[in-house]
Amino acid sequence: MSFLDITRGESPLVLGLPHTGTDLPGELADALNGTGRALADTDWHIHLLYEGLAPEVTTVRTRIHRYAIDVNRDPGGVSLYPGQNTTTLCPLTDFDGLPIYREGCEPDAAVIEARRDAYHAPYHAALAAELDRVKSIHGFAILYDCHSIRREIPFLFDGTLPDFNIGTNLGTTCAPGVEEAVARICEATDYSTIRNGRFKGGWTTRHYGQPDTRVHAIQMELAQSTYLAAETPPWTYDPAKAQRLRAALTDILTTLIAWRPM
């Protein structure tokens, strides 16, 4: 698929990159208002942050922006966090609760279905294929889902997020050793860390993370202040901040590559 970037490695580790894309299909760009066209909810530069950190890592990335369809949401539209503010499969608002479409241009059921078929399903077909491929080599696979977000978003959560937000849906999406290995590295740094706080793992982590089938999944939601010059436009990548963060991320990825089931 022309909107998918796939890099294949031979290790058991697969990185998912669902929210780094900034491409908008033509009809969507025309339908968005100024708030929507700002693309503020992008996981800015995450694919660059993780690039080249460890050998033989497989990556699956979509270049389509999450405002077209969020590939980390349940394709049936079921909320990941019932009772809490969140954005939907085809978002109508940004993370601040502001409308992103011009009035009357919101997607209807037919448009949502078309986007699901065009973007959501192919992304997950590719991700599933790569997990199956590395599992056939090693007997197991680890999915590490890469995310970032602004540290403060009152519409979505109270207070301030830690730097490292580890999500395993309360320990159900991976073997305990996977979560422990990642958390141990994070907690040994100067960065703040939480496990299964506001972000417990999105649909991708929960869908694929089935330790009984030897597929383990973990989500990492990074505070964008750890690698951006500022969490405001133009969302500039800060090489000095990123270099420091990349050292910790390298430890995480190389540890996961070396991890083996008991």
C-alpha atoms as a PDB file:
ATOM      1  CA  MET A   1       0.000   0.000   0.000  1.00  0.00           C
ATOM      2  CA  SER A   2       1.414   3.390  -0.992  1.00  0.00           C
ATOM      3  CA  PHE A   3       0.535   4.998   2.365  1.00  0.00           C
ATOM      4  CA  LEU A   4       2.288   2.305   4.410  1.00  0.00           C
ATOM      5  CA  ASP A   5       6.001   2.309   5.222  1.00  0.00           C
ATOM      6  CA  ILE A   6       7.214  -1.146   6.246  1.00  0.00           C
ATOM      7  CA  THR A   7      10.759  -2.024   7.224  1.00  0.00           C
ATOM      8  CA  ARG A   8      11.418  -5.700   7.867  1.00  0.00           C
ATOM      9  CA  GLY A   9      13.898  -7.018  10.419  1.00  0.00           C
ATOM     10  CA  GLU A  10      14.667 -10.492  11.715  1.00  0.00           C
ATOM     11  CA  SER A  11      14.361  -9.825  15.465  1.00  0.00           C
ATOM     12  CA  PRO A  12      11.155 -10.630  17.397  1.00  0.00           C
ATOM     13  CA  LEU A  13      10.418  -6.899  17.861  1.00  0.00           C
ATOM     14  CA  VAL A  14       7.834  -5.010  15.770  1.00  0.00           C
ATOM     15  CA  LEU A  15       7.241  -1.273  16.186  1.00  0.00           C
ATOM     16  CA  GLY A  16       3.818   0.133  15.390  1.00  0.00           C
ATOM     17  CA  LEU A  17       3.701   3.769  14.258  1.00  0.00           C
ATOM     18  CA  PRO A  18       0.016   4.639  13.916  1.00  0.00           C
ATOM     19  CA  HIS A  19      -0.048   8.390  14.490  1.00  0.00           C
ATOM     20  CA  THR A  20       3.028   9.960  12.877  1.00  0.00           C
ATOM     21  CA  GLY A  21       1.472  10.505   9.452  1.00  0.00           C
ATOM     22  CA  THR A  22       0.458  13.948   8.246  1.00  0.00           C
ATOM     23  CA  ASP A  23      -1.010  13.046   4.837  1.00  0.00           C
ATOM     24  CA  LEU A  24      -4.645  13.984   4.256  1.00  0.00           C
ATOM     25  CA  PRO A  25      -6.737  12.543   1.428  1.00  0.00           C
ATOM     26  CA  GLY A  26      -7.877  15.392  -0.804  1.00  0.00           C
ATOM     27  CA  GLU A  27     -11.520  15.281   0.180  1.00  0.00           C
ATOM     28  CA  LEU A  28     -10.600  15.327   3.875  1.00  0.00           C
ATOM     29  CA  ALA A  29      -8.298  18.328   3.557  1.00  0.00           C
ATOM     30  CA  ASP A  30     -11.151  20.241   1.936  1.00  0.00           C
ATOM     31  CA  ALA A  31     -13.594  19.237   4.701  1.00  0.00           C
ATOM     32  CA  LEU A  32     -11.425  20.252   7.670  1.00  0.00           C
ATOM     33  CA  ASN A  33     -11.578  23.677   9.238  1.00  0.00           C
ATOM     34  CA  GLY A  34      -8.532  25.649  10.364  1.00  0.00           C
ATOM     35  CA  THR A  35      -8.336  23.734  13.636  1.00  0.00           C
ATOM     36  CA  GLY A  36      -8.347  20.440  11.792  1.00  0.00           C
ATOM     37  CA  ARG A  37      -5.775  21.482   9.211  1.00  0.00           C
ATOM     38  CA  ALA A  38      -3.363  22.387  12.035  1.00  0.00           C
ATOM     39  CA  LEU A  39      -2.985  18.624  12.716  1.00  0.00           C
ATOM     40  CA  ALA A  40      -2.174  19.394  16.347  1.00  0.00           C
ATOM     41  CA  ASP A  41      -2.791  15.821  17.519  1.00  0.00           C
ATOM     42  CA  THR A  42      -0.003  14.270  15.463  1.00  0.00           C
ATOM     43  CA  ASP A  43       2.566  12.123  17.278  1.00  0.00           C
ATOM     44  CA  TRP A  44       5.166  14.552  15.968  1.00  0.00           C
ATOM     45  CA  HIS A  45       8.466  13.095  14.678  1.00  0.00           C
ATOM     46  CA  ILE A  46       8.092   9.814  16.565  1.00  0.00           C
ATOM     47  CA  HIS A  47       9.276   7.836  13.516  1.00  0.00           C
ATOM     48  CA  LEU A  48      12.449   9.951  13.489  1.00  0.00           C
ATOM     49  CA  LEU A  49      12.929   9.568  17.229  1.00  0.00           C
ATOM     50  CA  TYR A  50      12.930   5.769  16.980  1.00  0.00           C
ATOM     51  CA  GLU A  51      14.798   5.520  13.691  1.00  0.00           C
ATOM     52  CA  GLY A  52      17.949   3.387  13.812  1.00  0.00           C
ATOM     53  CA  LEU A  53      17.880   2.714  17.549  1.00  0.00           C
ATOM     54  CA  ALA A  54      18.345  -1.052  17.335  1.00  0.00           C
ATOM     55  CA  PRO A  55      19.186  -3.564  14.604  1.00  0.00           C
ATOM     56  CA  GLU A  56      16.742  -5.915  12.910  1.00  0.00           C
ATOM     57  CA  VAL A  57      13.625  -4.147  14.147  1.00  0.00           C
ATOM     58  CA  THR A  58      10.484  -4.332  12.015  1.00  0.00           C
ATOM     59  CA  THR A  59       8.427  -1.145  11.691  1.00  0.00           C
ATOM     60  CA  VAL A  60       4.926  -0.581  10.316  1.00  0.00           C
ATOM     61  CA  ARG A  61       3.931   3.054   9.784  1.00  0.00           C
ATOM     62  CA  THR A  62       0.980   4.754   8.120  1.00  0.00           C
ATOM     63  CA  ARG A  63       1.486   8.185   6.569  1.00  0.00           C
ATOM     64  CA  ILE A  64      -2.254   8.940   6.748  1.00  0.00           C
ATOM     65  CA  HIS A  65      -3.191  11.346   9.523  1.00  0.00           C
ATOM     66  CA  ARG A  66      -5.341  10.137  12.392  1.00  0.00           C
ATOM     67  CA  TYR A  67      -8.022  12.701  11.467  1.00  0.00           C
ATOM     68  CA  ALA A  68      -8.860  10.555   8.434  1.00  0.00           C
ATOM     69  CA  ILE A  69      -9.192   7.497  10.652  1.00  0.00           C
ATOM     70  CA  ASP A  70      -7.481   6.516  13.866  1.00  0.00           C
ATOM     71  CA  VAL A  71      -5.941   3.101  13.316  1.00  0.00           C
ATOM     72  CA  ASN A  72      -5.448   2.775  17.088  1.00  0.00           C
ATOM     73  CA  ARG A  73      -9.202   2.723  17.706  1.00  0.00           C
ATOM     74  CA  ASP A  74     -11.596  -0.213  17.692  1.00  0.00           C
ATOM     75  CA  PRO A  75     -12.843  -0.515  14.087  1.00  0.00           C
ATOM     76  CA  GLY A  76     -16.346  -0.943  15.457  1.00  0.00           C
ATOM     77  CA  GLY A  77     -16.165   2.407  17.234  1.00  0.00           C
ATOM     78  CA  VAL A  78     -16.203   1.016  20.795  1.00  0.00           C
ATOM     79  CA  SER A  79     -14.606   3.449  23.281  1.00  0.00           C
ATOM     80  CA  LEU A  80     -11.294   2.412  24.820  1.00  0.00           C
ATOM     81  CA  TYR A  81     -12.024   4.476  27.923  1.00  0.00           C
ATOM     82  CA  PRO A  82     -15.755   4.376  28.719  1.00  0.00           C
ATOM     83  CA  GLY A  83     -16.923   7.392  30.656  1.00  0.00           C
ATOM     84  CA  GLN A  84     -13.844   9.482  29.805  1.00  0.00           C
ATOM     85  CA  ASN A  85     -13.336  12.044  27.075  1.00  0.00           C
ATOM     86  CA  THR A  86     -11.533  10.589  24.082  1.00  0.00           C
ATOM     87  CA  THR A  87     -11.508  10.930  20.320  1.00  0.00           C
ATOM     88  CA  THR A  88     -13.359   8.516  18.065  1.00  0.00           C
ATOM     89  CA  LEU A  89     -12.522   6.221  15.163  1.00  0.00           C
ATOM     90  CA  CYS A  90     -12.953   9.106  12.723  1.00  0.00           C
ATOM     91  CA  PRO A  91     -12.446  12.064  15.062  1.00  0.00           C
ATOM     92  CA  LEU A  92     -14.839  15.001  14.974  1.00  0.00           C
ATOM     93  CA  THR A  93     -12.857  17.055  17.494  1.00  0.00           C
ATOM     94  CA  ASP A  94      -9.238  17.548  18.419  1.00  0.00           C
ATOM     95  CA  PHE A  95      -7.760  16.666  21.813  1.00  0.00           C
ATOM     96  CA  ASP A  96      -9.012  19.971  23.202  1.00  0.00           C
ATOM     97  CA  GLY A  97     -12.602  19.127  22.272  1.00  0.00           C
ATOM     98  CA  LEU A  98     -12.714  21.637  19.405  1.00  0.00           C
ATOM     99  CA  PRO A  99     -14.482  20.722  16.133  1.00  0.00           C
ATOM    100  CA  ILE A 100     -12.073  19.906  13.284  1.00  0.00           C
ATOM    101  CA  TYR A 101     -14.593  19.917  10.375  1.00  0.00           C
ATOM    102  CA  ARG A 102     -16.273  22.728   8.535  1.00  0.00           C
ATOM    103  CA  GLU A 103     -19.940  22.782   9.453  1.00  0.00           C
ATOM    104  CA  GLY A 104     -21.876  20.154   7.530  1.00  0.00           C
ATOM    105  CA  CYS A 105     -18.748  18.353   6.290  1.00  0.00           C
ATOM    106  CA  GLU A 106     -18.473  15.713   9.025  1.00  0.00           C
ATOM    107  CA  PRO A 107     -18.076  12.113   7.779  1.00  0.00           C
ATOM    108  CA  ASP A 108     -21.237  10.004   7.581  1.00  0.00           C
ATOM    109  CA  ALA A 109     -21.454   6.241   8.050  1.00  0.00           C
ATOM    110  CA  ALA A 110     -20.572   5.542   4.415  1.00  0.00           C
ATOM    111  CA  VAL A 111     -17.454   7.727   4.557  1.00  0.00           C
ATOM    112  CA  ILE A 112     -16.328   6.106   7.798  1.00  0.00           C
ATOM    113  CA  GLU A 113     -16.774   2.649   6.278  1.00  0.00           C
ATOM    114  CA  ALA A 114     -14.812   3.663   3.193  1.00  0.00           C
ATOM    115  CA  ARG A 115     -11.939   4.988   5.328  1.00  0.00           C
ATOM    116  CA  ARG A 116     -11.991   1.852   7.441  1.00  0.00           C
ATOM    117  CA  ASP A 117     -11.583  -0.267   4.313  1.00  0.00           C
ATOM    118  CA  ALA A 118      -9.006   2.013   2.703  1.00  0.00           C
ATOM    119  CA  TYR A 119      -6.715   2.720   5.675  1.00  0.00           C
ATOM    120  CA  HIS A 120      -7.569   0.978   8.948  1.00  0.00           C
ATOM    121  CA  ALA A 121      -7.874  -2.557   7.583  1.00  0.00           C
ATOM    122  CA  PRO A 122      -4.697  -2.453   5.433  1.00  0.00           C
ATOM    123  CA  TYR A 123      -2.626  -1.039   8.285  1.00  0.00           C
ATOM    124  CA  HIS A 124      -3.683  -3.860  10.572  1.00  0.00           C
ATOM    125  CA  ALA A 125      -3.313  -6.492   7.877  1.00  0.00           C
ATOM    126  CA  ALA A 126       0.297  -5.352   7.458  1.00  0.00           C
ATOM    127  CA  LEU A 127       0.927  -5.237  11.202  1.00  0.00           C
ATOM    128  CA  ALA A 128      -0.576  -8.697  11.719  1.00  0.00           C
ATOM    129  CA  ALA A 129       1.473 -10.103   8.839  1.00  0.00           C
ATOM    130  CA  GLU A 130       4.724  -8.796  10.312  1.00  0.00           C
ATOM    131  CA  LEU A 131       3.901 -10.142  13.765  1.00  0.00           C
ATOM    132  CA  ASP A 132       3.128 -13.531  12.218  1.00  0.00           C
ATOM    133  CA  ARG A 133       6.370 -13.415  10.249  1.00  0.00           C
ATOM    134  CA  VAL A 134       8.654 -12.748  13.210  1.00  0.00           C
ATOM    135  CA  LYS A 135       6.689 -15.173  15.362  1.00  0.00           C
ATOM    136  CA  SER A 136       7.365 -17.883  12.778  1.00  0.00           C
ATOM    137  CA  ILE A 137      11.085 -17.178  13.165  1.00  0.00           C
ATOM    138  CA  HIS A 138      11.300 -16.965  16.962  1.00  0.00           C
ATOM    139  CA  GLY A 139       8.181 -18.676  18.262  1.00  0.00           C
ATOM    140  CA  PHE A 140       6.963 -15.398  19.748  1.00  0.00           C
ATOM    141  CA  ALA A 141       6.644 -11.720  18.832  1.00  0.00           C
ATOM    142  CA  ILE A 142       6.699  -8.426  20.735  1.00  0.00           C
ATOM    143  CA  LEU A 143       4.718  -5.435  19.524  1.00  0.00           C
ATOM    144  CA  TYR A 144       5.927  -2.091  20.854  1.00  0.00           C
ATOM    145  CA  ASP A 145       3.416   0.614  19.932  1.00  0.00           C
ATOM    146  CA  CYS A 146       5.045   4.050  19.637  1.00  0.00           C
ATOM    147  CA  HIS A 147       3.145   7.175  20.680  1.00  0.00           C
ATOM    148  CA  SER A 148       3.550  10.694  22.029  1.00  0.00           C
ATOM    149  CA  ILE A 149       1.244  13.387  23.320  1.00  0.00           C
ATOM    150  CA  ARG A 150       1.260  16.809  24.915  1.00  0.00           C
ATOM    151  CA  ARG A 151       1.932  16.748  28.633  1.00  0.00           C
ATOM    152  CA  GLU A 152      -1.193  18.738  29.555  1.00  0.00           C
ATOM    153  CA  ILE A 153      -4.572  18.295  27.832  1.00  0.00           C
ATOM    154  CA  PRO A 154      -7.405  19.150  30.261  1.00  0.00           C
ATOM    155  CA  PHE A 155     -10.091  17.790  27.910  1.00  0.00           C
ATOM    156  CA  LEU A 156      -8.540  14.312  28.097  1.00  0.00           C
ATOM    157  CA  PHE A 157      -7.022  14.132  31.564  1.00  0.00           C
ATOM    158  CA  ASP A 158      -6.354  16.076  34.735  1.00  0.00           C
ATOM    159  CA  GLY A 159      -2.936  17.304  35.721  1.00  0.00           C
ATOM    160  CA  THR A 160       0.361  16.606  33.992  1.00  0.00           C
ATOM    161  CA  LEU A 161       1.487  13.388  32.338  1.00  0.00           C
ATOM    162  CA  PRO A 162       4.755  11.703  33.295  1.00  0.00           C
ATOM    163  CA  ASP A 163       7.476  11.413  30.663  1.00  0.00           C
ATOM    164  CA  PHE A 164       7.104   7.658  30.114  1.00  0.00           C
ATOM    165  CA  ASN A 165       3.546   6.269  30.096  1.00  0.00           C
ATOM    166  CA  ILE A 166       3.654   2.469  29.820  1.00  0.00           C
ATOM    167  CA  GLY A 167       0.450   0.714  28.806  1.00  0.00           C
ATOM    168  CA  THR A 168      -0.267  -3.011  29.066  1.00  0.00           C
ATOM    169  CA  ASN A 169      -3.986  -2.879  29.921  1.00  0.00           C
ATOM    170  CA  LEU A 170      -3.193  -3.608  33.561  1.00  0.00           C
ATOM    171  CA  GLY A 171      -0.670  -6.292  32.725  1.00  0.00           C
ATOM    172  CA  THR A 172      -2.865  -8.365  30.418  1.00  0.00           C
ATOM    173  CA  THR A 173      -1.234  -7.681  27.032  1.00  0.00           C
ATOM    174  CA  CYS A 174       2.230  -9.096  27.667  1.00  0.00           C
ATOM    175  CA  ALA A 175       4.184 -11.421  29.897  1.00  0.00           C
ATOM    176  CA  PRO A 176       5.116  -9.804  33.218  1.00  0.00           C
ATOM    177  CA  GLY A 177       8.776  -9.906  32.216  1.00  0.00           C
ATOM    178  CA  VAL A 178       8.155  -7.642  29.228  1.00  0.00           C
ATOM    179  CA  GLU A 179       6.479  -4.932  31.278  1.00  0.00           C
ATOM    180  CA  GLU A 180       9.042  -5.267  34.059  1.00  0.00           C
ATOM    181  CA  ALA A 181      11.962  -4.977  31.656  1.00  0.00           C
ATOM    182  CA  VAL A 182      10.626  -1.760  30.120  1.00  0.00           C
ATOM    183  CA  ALA A 183       9.582  -0.243  33.437  1.00  0.00           C
ATOM    184  CA  ARG A 184      12.918  -1.069  35.061  1.00  0.00           C
ATOM    185  CA  ILE A 185      14.805   0.851  32.373  1.00  0.00           C
ATOM    186  CA  CYS A 186      12.450   3.827  32.537  1.00  0.00           C
ATOM    187  CA  GLU A 187      12.533   3.987  36.329  1.00  0.00           C
ATOM    188  CA  ALA A 188      16.343   3.970  36.325  1.00  0.00           C
ATOM    189  CA  THR A 189      16.444   7.200  34.299  1.00  0.00           C
ATOM    190  CA  ASP A 190      15.818  10.799  35.367  1.00  0.00           C
ATOM    191  CA  TYR A 191      12.513  10.718  33.486  1.00  0.00           C
ATOM    192  CA  SER A 192       9.207  10.295  35.330  1.00  0.00           C
ATOM    193  CA  THR A 193       7.363   7.036  34.697  1.00  0.00           C
ATOM    194  CA  ILE A 194       3.948   5.495  35.241  1.00  0.00           C
ATOM    195  CA  ARG A 195       2.444   2.138  34.370  1.00  0.00           C
ATOM    196  CA  ASN A 196      -1.165   1.905  33.201  1.00  0.00           C
ATOM    197  CA  GLY A 197      -2.099   5.411  34.205  1.00  0.00           C
ATOM    198  CA  ARG A 198      -4.282   7.509  31.903  1.00  0.00           C
ATOM    199  CA  PHE A 199      -3.004   5.480  28.940  1.00  0.00           C
ATOM    200  CA  LYS A 200      -3.357   1.747  29.428  1.00  0.00           C
ATOM    201  CA  GLY A 201      -2.705   0.786  25.808  1.00  0.00           C
ATOM    202  CA  GLY A 202      -4.854   1.519  22.785  1.00  0.00           C
ATOM    203  CA  TRP A 203      -6.844  -0.865  20.624  1.00  0.00           C
ATOM    204  CA  THR A 204      -3.686  -2.080  18.893  1.00  0.00           C
ATOM    205  CA  THR A 205      -2.010  -3.115  22.143  1.00  0.00           C
ATOM    206  CA  ARG A 206      -5.172  -4.728  23.485  1.00  0.00           C
ATOM    207  CA  HIS A 207      -6.031  -6.482  20.222  1.00  0.00           C
ATOM    208  CA  TYR A 208      -2.649  -8.046  19.506  1.00  0.00           C
ATOM    209  CA  GLY A 209      -1.379  -8.492  23.038  1.00  0.00           C
ATOM    210  CA  GLN A 210      -2.281 -12.100  23.713  1.00  0.00           C
ATOM    211  CA  PRO A 211       0.499 -13.709  25.746  1.00  0.00           C
ATOM    212  CA  ASP A 212      -1.196 -17.111  25.591  1.00  0.00           C
ATOM    213  CA  THR A 213      -0.571 -17.080  21.831  1.00  0.00           C
ATOM    214  CA  ARG A 214       2.994 -15.830  22.379  1.00  0.00           C
ATOM    215  CA  VAL A 215       2.310 -12.358  21.045  1.00  0.00           C
ATOM    216  CA  HIS A 216       3.193  -9.698  23.607  1.00  0.00           C
ATOM    217  CA  ALA A 217       2.242  -6.032  23.240  1.00  0.00           C
ATOM    218  CA  ILE A 218       3.163  -2.885  25.110  1.00  0.00           C
ATOM    219  CA  GLN A 219       2.399   0.772  24.395  1.00  0.00           C
ATOM    220  CA  MET A 220       4.769   3.635  25.116  1.00  0.00           C
ATOM    221  CA  GLU A 221       3.187   7.081  25.273  1.00  0.00           C
ATOM    222  CA  LEU A 222       5.916   9.706  25.565  1.00  0.00           C
ATOM    223  CA  ALA A 223       5.373  13.248  26.762  1.00  0.00           C
ATOM    224  CA  GLN A 224       6.297  15.392  23.776  1.00  0.00           C
ATOM    225  CA  SER A 225       8.254  17.770  25.973  1.00  0.00           C
ATOM    226  CA  THR A 226      10.918  15.061  26.237  1.00  0.00           C
ATOM    227  CA  TYR A 227      12.022  15.565  22.631  1.00  0.00           C
ATOM    228  CA  LEU A 228      10.308  18.657  21.158  1.00  0.00           C
ATOM    229  CA  ALA A 229      11.546  22.206  21.589  1.00  0.00           C
ATOM    230  CA  ALA A 230       7.990  23.078  22.649  1.00  0.00           C
ATOM    231  CA  GLU A 231       4.607  21.347  22.648  1.00  0.00           C
ATOM    232  CA  THR A 232       3.242  24.082  20.387  1.00  0.00           C
ATOM    233  CA  PRO A 233       3.510  24.880  16.668  1.00  0.00           C
ATOM    234  CA  PRO A 234       5.732  24.406  14.763  1.00  0.00           C
ATOM    235  CA  TRP A 235       6.360  21.260  16.849  1.00  0.00           C
ATOM    236  CA  THR A 236      10.120  21.448  16.328  1.00  0.00           C
ATOM    237  CA  TYR A 237      12.252  18.369  16.948  1.00  0.00           C
ATOM    238  CA  ASP A 238      14.976  19.177  19.495  1.00  0.00           C
ATOM    239  CA  PRO A 239      18.104  17.134  18.642  1.00  0.00           C
ATOM    240  CA  ALA A 240      19.707  17.584  22.069  1.00  0.00           C
ATOM    241  CA  LYS A 241      16.599  16.493  23.960  1.00  0.00           C
ATOM    242  CA  ALA A 242      16.052  13.671  21.483  1.00  0.00           C
ATOM    243  CA  GLN A 243      19.609  12.392  21.809  1.00  0.00           C
ATOM    244  CA  ARG A 244      19.194  12.011  25.557  1.00  0.00           C
ATOM    245  CA  LEU A 245      15.830  10.321  25.180  1.00  0.00           C
ATOM    246  CA  ARG A 246      17.073   8.045  22.396  1.00  0.00           C
ATOM    247  CA  ALA A 247      19.662   6.589  24.783  1.00  0.00           C
ATOM    248  CA  ALA A 248      16.885   5.343  27.073  1.00  0.00           C
ATOM    249  CA  LEU A 249      14.785   4.159  24.141  1.00  0.00           C
ATOM    250  CA  THR A 250      17.762   2.253  22.746  1.00  0.00           C
ATOM    251  CA  ASP A 251      18.074   0.415  26.058  1.00  0.00           C
ATOM    252  CA  ILE A 252      14.373  -0.439  25.926  1.00  0.00           C
ATOM    253  CA  LEU A 253      14.430  -1.787  22.379  1.00  0.00           C
ATOM    254  CA  THR A 254      17.652  -3.769  22.725  1.00  0.00           C
ATOM    255  CA  THR A 255      16.363  -5.291  25.967  1.00  0.00           C
ATOM    256  CA  LEU A 256      13.127  -6.331  24.280  1.00  0.00           C
ATOM    257  CA  ILE A 257      15.033  -7.840  21.371  1.00  0.00           C
ATOM    258  CA  ALA A 258      17.076  -9.920  23.829  1.00  0.00           C
ATOM    259  CA  TRP A 259      14.059 -10.943  25.948  1.00  0.00           C
ATOM    260  CA  ARG A 260      12.924 -14.571  25.737  1.00  0.00           C
ATOM    261  CA  PRO A 261       9.858 -16.282  27.199  1.00  0.00           C
ATOM    262  CA  MET A 262      10.449 -18.474  30.212  1.00  0.00           C
END
